Amino acid sequence: MNQIENPFLQHLQELQDLKFMIAADTDHRLTYQNFRIFDIQIDALTINLVAEYHRYKNDNELATIARLIVEKYRL
């Protein structure tokens, strides 16, 4: 991942990377139609990616966070 100097843009880039990793970890069962800017929408379920990212970011790398989200929500 390229480093971006603007903290807001850096955060958006990390969320975008997280979405790509989640899609890959689900073997692309989730399509990009399920992804919004800050969340994942699956039928009536909304997963807040910002909250999940902040929950795990201090102790985990981005790829691990993606895997934890896939496992937690059984995606």
C-alpha atoms as a PDB file:
ATOM      1  CA  MET A   1       0.000   0.000   0.000  1.00  0.00           C
ATOM      2  CA  ASN A   2       1.332   3.438  -0.894  1.00  0.00           C
ATOM      3  CA  GLN A   3       1.576   5.956   1.913  1.00  0.00           C
ATOM      4  CA  ILE A   4      -0.528   9.092   1.468  1.00  0.00           C
ATOM      5  CA  GLU A   5       0.367  12.196   3.455  1.00  0.00           C
ATOM      6  CA  ASN A   6      -3.192  13.408   4.068  1.00  0.00           C
ATOM      7  CA  PRO A   7      -4.580  11.439   7.072  1.00  0.00           C
ATOM      8  CA  PHE A   8      -8.151  11.468   5.730  1.00  0.00           C
ATOM      9  CA  LEU A   9      -7.073  10.165   2.336  1.00  0.00           C
ATOM     10  CA  GLN A  10      -4.811   7.603   4.025  1.00  0.00           C
ATOM     11  CA  HIS A  11      -7.787   6.327   6.011  1.00  0.00           C
ATOM     12  CA  LEU A  12      -9.933   6.074   2.861  1.00  0.00           C
ATOM     13  CA  GLN A  13      -7.122   4.196   1.105  1.00  0.00           C
ATOM     14  CA  GLU A  14      -6.863   1.730   3.993  1.00  0.00           C
ATOM     15  CA  LEU A  15     -10.628   1.130   3.906  1.00  0.00           C
ATOM     16  CA  GLN A  16     -10.464   0.585   0.142  1.00  0.00           C
ATOM     17  CA  ASP A  17      -7.622  -1.900   0.566  1.00  0.00           C
ATOM     18  CA  LEU A  18      -9.599  -3.629   3.332  1.00  0.00           C
ATOM     19  CA  LYS A  19     -12.575  -4.027   0.978  1.00  0.00           C
ATOM     20  CA  PHE A  20     -10.379  -5.634  -1.703  1.00  0.00           C
ATOM     21  CA  MET A  21      -8.928  -8.033   0.877  1.00  0.00           C
ATOM     22  CA  ILE A  22     -12.385  -8.956   2.183  1.00  0.00           C
ATOM     23  CA  ALA A  23     -13.593  -9.625  -1.358  1.00  0.00           C
ATOM     24  CA  ALA A  24     -10.574 -11.863  -1.981  1.00  0.00           C
ATOM     25  CA  ASP A  25     -10.999 -13.680   1.353  1.00  0.00           C
ATOM     26  CA  THR A  26     -14.613 -14.514   0.447  1.00  0.00           C
ATOM     27  CA  ASP A  27     -13.479 -15.926  -2.913  1.00  0.00           C
ATOM     28  CA  HIS A  28     -15.401 -13.008  -4.416  1.00  0.00           C
ATOM     29  CA  ARG A  29     -18.783 -14.215  -3.109  1.00  0.00           C
ATOM     30  CA  LEU A  30     -19.258 -10.571  -2.207  1.00  0.00           C
ATOM     31  CA  THR A  31     -19.339  -8.331  -5.238  1.00  0.00           C
ATOM     32  CA  TYR A  32     -18.479  -4.677  -5.281  1.00  0.00           C
ATOM     33  CA  GLN A  33     -22.215  -3.983  -5.278  1.00  0.00           C
ATOM     34  CA  ASN A  34     -22.147  -5.055  -1.616  1.00  0.00           C
ATOM     35  CA  PHE A  35     -19.516  -2.454  -0.718  1.00  0.00           C
ATOM     36  CA  ARG A  36     -20.344   1.133   0.158  1.00  0.00           C
ATOM     37  CA  ILE A  37     -17.813   3.797   1.122  1.00  0.00           C
ATOM     38  CA  PHE A  38     -17.810   2.952   4.834  1.00  0.00           C
ATOM     39  CA  ASP A  39     -19.729  -0.320   5.061  1.00  0.00           C
ATOM     40  CA  ILE A  40     -20.758  -3.622   3.506  1.00  0.00           C
ATOM     41  CA  GLN A  41     -24.441  -4.188   2.743  1.00  0.00           C
ATOM     42  CA  ILE A  42     -25.695  -7.788   2.521  1.00  0.00           C
ATOM     43  CA  ASP A  43     -29.490  -8.061   2.421  1.00  0.00           C
ATOM     44  CA  ALA A  44     -30.646  -6.622   5.783  1.00  0.00           C
ATOM     45  CA  LEU A  45     -27.139  -6.777   7.330  1.00  0.00           C
ATOM     46  CA  THR A  46     -24.906  -3.698   7.367  1.00  0.00           C
ATOM     47  CA  ILE A  47     -21.292  -4.147   8.485  1.00  0.00           C
ATOM     48  CA  ASN A  48     -19.657  -0.903   9.576  1.00  0.00           C
ATOM     49  CA  LEU A  49     -16.120  -1.189   8.208  1.00  0.00           C
ATOM     50  CA  VAL A  50     -14.888   1.894  10.051  1.00  0.00           C
ATOM     51  CA  ALA A  51     -15.947   0.447  13.416  1.00  0.00           C
ATOM     52  CA  GLU A  52     -14.473  -2.973  12.600  1.00  0.00           C
ATOM     53  CA  TYR A  53     -11.226  -1.414  11.375  1.00  0.00           C
ATOM     54  CA  HIS A  54     -10.842   0.658  14.553  1.00  0.00           C
ATOM     55  CA  ARG A  55     -11.671  -2.354  16.727  1.00  0.00           C
ATOM     56  CA  TYR A  56      -8.790  -4.404  15.299  1.00  0.00           C
ATOM     57  CA  LYS A  57      -6.243  -1.925  13.897  1.00  0.00           C
ATOM     58  CA  ASN A  58      -3.989  -1.561  16.944  1.00  0.00           C
ATOM     59  CA  ASP A  59      -3.156  -5.257  17.162  1.00  0.00           C
ATOM     60  CA  ASN A  60      -3.521  -6.493  13.572  1.00  0.00           C
ATOM     61  CA  GLU A  61      -2.344  -5.890  10.042  1.00  0.00           C
ATOM     62  CA  LEU A  62      -4.909  -5.055   7.353  1.00  0.00           C
ATOM     63  CA  ALA A  63      -4.950  -8.580   5.888  1.00  0.00           C
ATOM     64  CA  THR A  64      -5.645 -10.017   9.338  1.00  0.00           C
ATOM     65  CA  ILE A  65      -8.452  -7.508   9.909  1.00  0.00           C
ATOM     66  CA  ALA A  66     -10.045  -8.588   6.624  1.00  0.00           C
ATOM     67  CA  ARG A  67      -9.854 -12.249   7.651  1.00  0.00           C
ATOM     68  CA  LEU A  68     -11.303 -11.472  11.103  1.00  0.00           C
ATOM     69  CA  ILE A  69     -14.259  -9.646   9.535  1.00  0.00           C
ATOM     70  CA  VAL A  70     -14.905 -12.506   7.089  1.00  0.00           C
ATOM     71  CA  GLU A  71     -14.822 -15.019   9.952  1.00  0.00           C
ATOM     72  CA  LYS A  72     -16.901 -12.897  12.360  1.00  0.00           C
ATOM     73  CA  TYR A  73     -19.723 -12.357   9.860  1.00  0.00           C
ATOM     74  CA  ARG A  74     -19.275 -15.716   8.097  1.00  0.00           C
ATOM     75  CA  LEU A  75     -18.894 -14.070   4.733  1.00  0.00           C
END
